[in-house]
Amino acid sequence: MAPGMDLETPNVAENFNDHRDGLALEATSDAVDEINVMKAAMRVKNGTATQEEADIYEKSQFDAEKDKTQFRQYEDACDRVKNFYREQHEKQTMSFNLKARNDFKMQTRAEMTIWQAMEKLNSLIDESEKVEWSGDPDTSLSQIEHLLQAAEAIRRDGKPKWFQLTGLVHDLGKLLFFYGSKGQWDVVGDTFPVGCRFDESIIYPGTFEDNPDSKDPIYSDKHGIYTPGCGMDNIMLSWGHDEYLYHICKEQSTLPDEALAMIRYHSFYPWHTAGGYRWMMNDKDEKMLAAVKAFNPYDLYSKSDDMPDPVKLKEYYMGLINTYFPPREGETERVIRW
């Protein structure tokens, strides 16, 4: 940081009509993660967690020496997060989600390689407003370093290369914030199905009262437009960075189903942590749920101040990128349609 330069305080309630504050997006995103970390830690500590929840947060090799409760405390984030979810829960309607998917299919927001997208996200968030800020209140890492940190934690634990690459790219969908989102509420936060009753497993379920779908005779029914056992592939999840990146990777990569599930469902806490919406699952989803649970600790707990070196690591990860995002004829790196 330059001498005498003051850090900007992220404005988490700003008007986004004329600009985008990446710092505010990350402040909200980190507060959301913080809530999920602390809720799980408290349940495990006081003995109210299910065995399934305890298994999700069982210490893995990369965080064996880390005290997971060292992140900022749960209560400090509650007010900000509840206000965020109130807006998200009011606006994530079936109508909005249909339009968001149509808009996604009808336009290409940008064309760039995976590594260029990492650098783009790094610059848009961490250099927002032309001040130096890590983009993460809990650490001093840039965005690109955090992506590499998650990937390196997975790599150290001996996971498959596709798993490592998933850790590297899983948050690139946050580019959506700068490519036509309505605000923070359709980019970050826990996800949930639309088109059926909003389940009690969703965080702050009482904040759906002003969502018109909660009063719709079809969408307010438990099953709504779905049938039991229909499979998660057939469910419309609330639009955000997970769903955005999932559709990009599904169409433009050779990543296996498990990787696509990790990308799509890693914010679907009502399902993979709280146990909701199990009536939707088919046989495939049991395997996908296990994959998401294996990924979840790396998403939440790989943040630390250990600084990976992008220059030294780029060659290795470019090999993975070119394997699962294979270049087309005339390309040295696959140019992705964002």
Protein backbone atom coordinates (compact mmCIF):
# COMPACT_ATOMS: atom_id res chain seq x y z
CA MET A 1 0.00 0.00 0.00
CA ALA A 2 1.24 3.49 -0.82
CA PRO A 3 2.25 5.60 2.19
CA GLY A 4 -0.59 7.67 3.54
CA MET A 5 -3.24 5.90 1.46
CA ASP A 6 -6.46 5.21 3.35
CA LEU A 7 -8.44 2.05 2.76
CA GLU A 8 -11.89 2.60 1.41
CA THR A 9 -14.71 1.22 3.55
CA PRO A 10 -16.88 -1.01 1.33
CA ASN A 11 -20.38 0.41 0.93
CA VAL A 12 -22.58 -2.67 1.24
CA ALA A 13 -25.82 -0.71 0.70
CA GLU A 14 -24.79 1.41 -2.27
CA ASN A 15 -26.78 2.24 -5.40
CA PHE A 16 -25.29 0.38 -8.36
CA ASN A 17 -26.93 2.43 -11.11
CA ASP A 18 -23.76 4.20 -12.21
CA HIS A 19 -20.85 2.01 -11.03
CA ARG A 20 -19.92 -1.27 -9.41
CA ASP A 21 -18.11 -1.52 -6.10
CA GLY A 22 -16.24 -4.82 -6.08
CA LEU A 23 -15.15 -4.23 -2.50
CA ALA A 24 -18.77 -4.16 -1.38
CA LEU A 25 -19.52 -7.38 -3.25
CA GLU A 26 -16.63 -9.17 -1.56
CA ALA A 27 -17.53 -7.75 1.84
CA THR A 28 -21.01 -9.24 1.46
CA SER A 29 -19.71 -12.50 0.02
CA ASP A 30 -17.25 -12.92 2.90
CA ALA A 31 -19.93 -12.13 5.48
CA VAL A 32 -22.12 -14.83 3.92
CA ASP A 33 -19.25 -17.34 4.14
CA GLU A 34 -18.62 -16.25 7.68
CA ILE A 35 -22.19 -17.02 8.69
CA ASN A 36 -21.98 -20.51 7.17
CA VAL A 37 -18.64 -21.24 8.85
CA MET A 38 -19.77 -20.08 12.27
CA LYS A 39 -23.17 -21.78 12.13
CA ALA A 40 -21.51 -25.09 11.38
CA ALA A 41 -18.83 -24.59 14.01
CA MET A 42 -21.42 -23.74 16.67
CA ARG A 43 -23.56 -26.77 15.84
CA VAL A 44 -20.58 -29.09 16.04
CA LYS A 45 -19.31 -27.49 19.24
CA ASN A 46 -22.63 -27.64 21.11
CA GLY A 47 -23.44 -31.15 19.90
CA THR A 48 -26.55 -30.28 17.88
CA ALA A 49 -25.00 -31.02 14.49
CA THR A 50 -26.13 -34.11 12.65
CA GLN A 51 -23.49 -36.70 11.85
CA GLU A 52 -23.81 -35.62 8.23
CA GLU A 53 -23.02 -32.01 9.11
CA ALA A 54 -20.11 -33.07 11.29
CA ASP A 55 -18.72 -35.11 8.41
CA ILE A 56 -18.89 -32.11 6.07
CA TYR A 57 -16.76 -29.99 8.37
CA GLU A 58 -14.42 -32.73 9.52
CA LYS A 59 -10.89 -31.36 9.42
CA SER A 60 -9.01 -32.19 6.27
CA GLN A 61 -5.24 -32.15 5.83
CA PHE A 62 -4.94 -28.57 4.67
CA ASP A 63 -6.67 -27.04 7.69
CA ALA A 64 -5.58 -29.46 10.40
CA GLU A 65 -3.55 -26.74 12.13
CA LYS A 66 -6.05 -23.95 11.62
CA ASP A 67 -8.59 -22.88 14.21
CA LYS A 68 -11.73 -22.42 12.14
CA THR A 69 -13.21 -20.08 14.73
CA GLN A 70 -10.50 -17.47 14.13
CA PHE A 71 -12.52 -15.78 11.41
CA ARG A 72 -14.60 -12.76 12.43
CA GLN A 73 -17.43 -13.72 14.77
CA TYR A 74 -20.90 -14.83 13.69
CA GLU A 75 -22.90 -12.06 15.35
CA ASP A 76 -20.81 -9.31 13.77
CA ALA A 77 -21.99 -10.35 10.33
CA CYS A 78 -25.66 -11.03 11.12
CA ASP A 79 -27.18 -7.60 10.48
CA ARG A 80 -25.41 -7.10 7.16
CA VAL A 81 -26.20 -10.61 6.01
CA LYS A 82 -29.85 -10.49 7.05
CA ASN A 83 -30.39 -7.24 5.15
CA PHE A 84 -28.73 -8.77 2.12
CA TYR A 85 -30.89 -11.90 2.28
CA ARG A 86 -34.07 -9.89 2.75
CA GLU A 87 -33.43 -8.22 -0.61
CA GLN A 88 -32.35 -11.47 -2.26
CA HIS A 89 -35.37 -13.37 -0.99
CA GLU A 90 -37.80 -10.68 -2.16
CA LYS A 91 -36.36 -10.47 -5.68
CA GLN A 92 -35.40 -14.05 -6.60
CA THR A 93 -38.69 -14.94 -8.27
CA MET A 94 -39.51 -17.44 -10.98
CA SER A 95 -40.12 -14.54 -13.36
CA PHE A 96 -36.71 -13.02 -12.66
CA ASN A 97 -34.96 -16.37 -13.03
CA LEU A 98 -36.57 -17.12 -16.38
CA LYS A 99 -35.49 -13.71 -17.68
CA ALA A 100 -31.95 -14.07 -16.28
CA ARG A 101 -31.47 -17.37 -18.11
CA ASN A 102 -32.88 -15.97 -21.32
CA ASP A 103 -30.54 -12.98 -21.09
CA PHE A 104 -27.60 -15.33 -20.48
CA LYS A 105 -28.38 -17.35 -23.60
CA MET A 106 -29.02 -14.33 -25.81
CA GLN A 107 -25.75 -12.45 -25.28
CA THR A 108 -22.02 -12.91 -24.83
CA ARG A 109 -20.75 -10.51 -22.18
CA ALA A 110 -17.05 -10.97 -22.89
CA GLU A 111 -14.59 -13.33 -24.58
CA MET A 112 -11.39 -14.27 -22.74
CA THR A 113 -9.41 -17.25 -21.52
CA ILE A 114 -9.72 -18.73 -18.02
CA TRP A 115 -6.47 -17.13 -16.87
CA GLN A 116 -7.53 -13.78 -18.33
CA ALA A 117 -10.82 -14.12 -16.45
CA MET A 118 -8.89 -14.69 -13.21
CA GLU A 119 -6.85 -11.55 -13.87
CA LYS A 120 -10.01 -9.64 -14.78
CA LEU A 121 -11.77 -10.63 -11.57
CA ASN A 122 -8.64 -9.72 -9.65
CA SER A 123 -8.53 -6.23 -11.14
CA LEU A 124 -12.24 -5.52 -10.98
CA ILE A 125 -12.57 -6.45 -7.32
CA ASP A 126 -9.20 -5.84 -5.74
CA GLU A 127 -8.44 -2.59 -7.56
CA SER A 128 -11.94 -1.20 -7.30
CA GLU A 129 -11.96 2.55 -6.80
CA LYS A 130 -8.17 2.54 -7.48
CA VAL A 131 -7.21 1.72 -3.88
CA GLU A 132 -5.32 -1.28 -2.56
CA TRP A 133 -7.56 -3.72 -0.74
CA SER A 134 -7.42 -7.49 -0.53
CA GLY A 135 -11.10 -7.94 -1.29
CA ASP A 136 -11.26 -10.26 1.73
CA PRO A 137 -11.66 -8.83 5.26
CA ASP A 138 -10.27 -12.03 6.80
CA THR A 139 -7.00 -12.24 4.88
CA SER A 140 -4.51 -10.15 2.93
CA LEU A 141 -4.76 -12.13 -0.31
CA SER A 142 -5.84 -10.87 -3.71
CA GLN A 143 -8.57 -12.67 -5.63
CA ILE A 144 -6.17 -14.56 -7.88
CA GLU A 145 -4.12 -15.62 -4.87
CA HIS A 146 -7.24 -16.88 -3.10
CA LEU A 147 -8.24 -18.94 -6.14
CA LEU A 148 -4.75 -20.42 -6.28
CA GLN A 149 -4.79 -21.00 -2.53
CA ALA A 150 -7.97 -23.08 -2.75
CA ALA A 151 -6.56 -25.05 -5.68
CA GLU A 152 -3.25 -25.63 -3.91
CA ALA A 153 -5.00 -26.88 -0.76
CA ILE A 154 -6.87 -29.41 -2.89
CA ARG A 155 -3.65 -30.35 -4.70
CA ARG A 156 -1.76 -30.90 -1.42
CA ASP A 157 -4.47 -33.32 -0.32
CA GLY A 158 -3.84 -35.43 -3.42
CA LYS A 159 -7.20 -34.84 -5.08
CA PRO A 160 -7.65 -35.44 -8.84
CA LYS A 161 -6.55 -32.77 -11.28
CA TRP A 162 -10.13 -31.93 -12.28
CA PHE A 163 -10.84 -31.31 -8.57
CA GLN A 164 -7.83 -28.98 -8.36
CA LEU A 165 -9.02 -27.02 -11.40
CA THR A 166 -12.50 -26.74 -9.91
CA GLY A 167 -10.98 -25.06 -6.87
CA LEU A 168 -9.17 -22.65 -9.18
CA VAL A 169 -12.20 -21.55 -11.20
CA HIS A 170 -15.12 -21.96 -8.78
CA ASP A 171 -15.57 -18.24 -8.03
CA LEU A 172 -15.04 -16.87 -11.55
CA GLY A 173 -18.80 -16.51 -11.87
CA LYS A 174 -18.49 -13.37 -9.75
CA LEU A 175 -17.63 -11.63 -13.01
CA LEU A 176 -21.41 -11.57 -13.41
CA PHE A 177 -21.44 -8.62 -11.00
CA PHE A 178 -19.74 -6.51 -13.67
CA TYR A 179 -21.62 -8.05 -16.60
CA GLY A 180 -25.23 -7.06 -16.14
CA SER A 181 -26.32 -8.19 -12.68
CA LYS A 182 -28.97 -6.19 -10.86
CA GLY A 183 -26.85 -5.85 -7.72
CA GLN A 184 -25.25 -8.12 -5.13
CA TRP A 185 -28.37 -10.19 -4.52
CA ASP A 186 -28.23 -11.96 -7.91
CA VAL A 187 -24.49 -12.71 -7.67
CA VAL A 188 -23.60 -14.02 -4.19
CA GLY A 189 -25.33 -15.65 -1.24
CA ASP A 190 -26.82 -19.07 -0.55
CA THR A 191 -28.88 -20.49 -3.41
CA PHE A 192 -32.24 -22.26 -3.38
CA PRO A 193 -34.84 -23.63 -5.83
CA VAL A 194 -37.51 -21.39 -7.31
CA GLY A 195 -40.82 -22.74 -8.58
CA CYS A 196 -41.81 -24.44 -5.33
CA ARG A 197 -42.33 -23.51 -1.68
CA PHE A 198 -39.38 -21.79 -0.06
CA ASP A 199 -38.16 -24.33 2.46
CA GLU A 200 -37.43 -23.73 6.14
CA SER A 201 -33.89 -24.98 5.51
CA ILE A 202 -33.08 -21.70 3.73
CA ILE A 203 -31.31 -19.09 5.85
CA TYR A 204 -33.76 -16.48 7.24
CA PRO A 205 -36.87 -18.17 5.76
CA GLY A 206 -39.12 -15.46 7.18
CA THR A 207 -37.71 -12.92 4.72
CA PHE A 208 -39.60 -14.43 1.78
CA GLU A 209 -42.88 -12.86 2.85
CA ASP A 210 -42.60 -10.07 0.24
CA ASN A 211 -41.64 -12.43 -2.59
CA PRO A 212 -44.78 -12.75 -4.78
CA ASP A 213 -44.02 -16.42 -5.44
CA SER A 214 -44.67 -17.15 -1.77
CA LYS A 215 -48.34 -16.33 -2.40
CA ASP A 216 -48.66 -17.98 -5.80
CA PRO A 217 -50.93 -21.06 -5.62
CA ILE A 218 -48.47 -23.19 -7.61
CA TYR A 219 -45.08 -21.84 -6.55
CA SER A 220 -46.08 -21.87 -2.86
CA ASP A 221 -46.93 -25.57 -2.98
CA LYS A 222 -44.29 -27.87 -1.47
CA HIS A 223 -43.51 -29.51 -4.81
CA GLY A 224 -44.62 -26.62 -7.02
CA ILE A 225 -43.74 -27.26 -10.66
CA TYR A 226 -41.58 -30.30 -9.79
CA THR A 227 -42.23 -33.95 -8.94
CA PRO A 228 -40.47 -35.98 -6.24
CA GLY A 229 -37.35 -37.65 -7.58
CA CYS A 230 -37.16 -35.37 -10.61
CA GLY A 231 -33.41 -34.83 -10.10
CA MET A 232 -31.41 -31.70 -9.40
CA ASP A 233 -30.47 -31.36 -13.07
CA ASN A 234 -34.10 -30.40 -13.67
CA ILE A 235 -34.34 -27.84 -10.87
CA MET A 236 -34.13 -24.08 -11.42
CA LEU A 237 -31.84 -22.67 -8.74
CA SER A 238 -31.75 -18.99 -7.83
CA TRP A 239 -29.58 -17.11 -10.31
CA GLY A 240 -26.11 -16.08 -9.19
CA HIS A 241 -22.40 -16.63 -9.75
CA ASP A 242 -22.66 -20.40 -9.20
CA GLU A 243 -25.40 -20.95 -11.77
CA TYR A 244 -23.76 -18.55 -14.24
CA LEU A 245 -20.41 -20.35 -14.15
CA TYR A 246 -22.06 -23.78 -14.17
CA HIS A 247 -23.73 -23.06 -17.51
CA ILE A 248 -20.47 -21.72 -18.96
CA CYS A 249 -18.51 -24.79 -17.87
CA LYS A 250 -21.23 -27.23 -18.87
CA GLU A 251 -21.15 -25.96 -22.45
CA GLN A 252 -17.46 -25.11 -22.87
CA SER A 253 -15.43 -27.57 -20.79
CA THR A 254 -14.87 -31.29 -20.39
CA LEU A 255 -15.08 -31.16 -16.59
CA PRO A 256 -16.80 -34.25 -15.13
CA ASP A 257 -20.26 -34.16 -13.57
CA GLU A 258 -18.78 -34.05 -10.07
CA ALA A 259 -16.90 -30.84 -10.89
CA LEU A 260 -19.99 -29.26 -12.41
CA ALA A 261 -21.92 -30.17 -9.26
CA MET A 262 -19.26 -28.56 -7.05
CA ILE A 263 -19.53 -25.37 -9.10
CA ARG A 264 -23.32 -25.31 -9.25
CA TYR A 265 -24.21 -26.43 -5.74
CA HIS A 266 -21.43 -25.13 -3.48
CA SER A 267 -23.71 -22.29 -2.28
CA PHE A 268 -26.80 -24.53 -2.06
CA TYR A 269 -26.50 -24.80 1.74
CA PRO A 270 -30.19 -25.62 2.27
CA TRP A 271 -29.47 -28.91 0.45
CA HIS A 272 -25.90 -29.98 1.17
CA THR A 273 -25.75 -28.78 4.78
CA ALA A 274 -29.27 -28.25 6.17
CA GLY A 275 -30.78 -31.37 4.61
CA GLY A 276 -33.61 -29.67 2.71
CA TYR A 277 -35.02 -30.56 -0.71
CA ARG A 278 -34.01 -34.22 -0.49
CA TRP A 279 -37.34 -35.13 -2.07
CA MET A 280 -36.03 -33.74 -5.37
CA MET A 281 -33.06 -36.11 -5.57
CA ASN A 282 -32.53 -39.06 -7.88
CA ASP A 283 -29.78 -41.69 -7.83
CA LYS A 284 -27.26 -39.44 -9.59
CA ASP A 285 -27.74 -36.72 -6.99
CA GLU A 286 -26.49 -38.96 -4.17
CA LYS A 287 -23.11 -39.07 -5.89
CA MET A 288 -23.18 -35.35 -6.65
CA LEU A 289 -24.02 -34.53 -3.03
CA ALA A 290 -20.98 -36.47 -1.86
CA ALA A 291 -18.81 -34.50 -4.31
CA VAL A 292 -20.15 -31.15 -3.10
CA LYS A 293 -19.54 -32.11 0.51
CA ALA A 294 -15.96 -33.07 -0.34
CA PHE A 295 -15.43 -29.66 -1.95
CA ASN A 296 -17.15 -27.50 0.67
CA PRO A 297 -14.33 -27.35 3.26
CA TYR A 298 -11.89 -26.11 0.64
CA ASP A 299 -14.32 -23.36 -0.34
CA LEU A 300 -14.80 -22.11 3.23
CA TYR A 301 -11.62 -22.94 5.10
CA SER A 302 -8.72 -22.55 2.65
CA LYS A 303 -8.41 -18.82 3.35
CA SER A 304 -5.24 -17.86 5.17
CA ASP A 305 -2.35 -15.46 4.79
CA ASP A 306 -0.12 -18.02 3.06
CA MET A 307 0.59 -16.33 -0.25
CA PRO A 308 0.83 -18.52 -3.37
CA ASP A 309 2.99 -17.22 -6.22
CA PRO A 310 0.92 -16.89 -9.43
CA VAL A 311 4.07 -16.65 -11.58
CA LYS A 312 5.49 -19.92 -10.30
CA LEU A 313 2.16 -21.75 -10.38
CA LYS A 314 0.81 -20.53 -13.72
CA GLU A 315 2.53 -23.17 -15.86
CA TYR A 316 1.10 -26.03 -13.81
CA TYR A 317 -2.44 -24.69 -13.81
CA MET A 318 -2.32 -23.73 -17.48
CA GLY A 319 -1.76 -27.42 -18.13
CA LEU A 320 -4.95 -28.24 -16.22
CA ILE A 321 -6.90 -25.46 -17.92
CA ASN A 322 -5.89 -26.65 -21.39
CA THR A 323 -6.85 -30.21 -20.46
CA TYR A 324 -10.41 -29.41 -19.36
CA PHE A 325 -10.96 -26.29 -21.49
CA PRO A 326 -9.26 -27.66 -24.64
CA PRO A 327 -8.16 -25.01 -27.16
CA ARG A 328 -9.90 -25.04 -30.52
CA GLU A 329 -8.08 -25.01 -33.83
CA GLY A 330 -5.83 -21.97 -34.03
CA GLU A 331 -5.92 -21.30 -30.26
CA THR A 332 -3.16 -21.79 -27.69
CA GLU A 333 -5.72 -21.27 -24.92
CA ARG A 334 -9.48 -21.74 -25.11
CA VAL A 335 -11.27 -18.42 -25.46
CA ILE A 336 -14.40 -18.70 -23.36
CA ARG A 337 -17.67 -16.93 -24.08
CA TRP A 338 -18.70 -15.21 -20.89
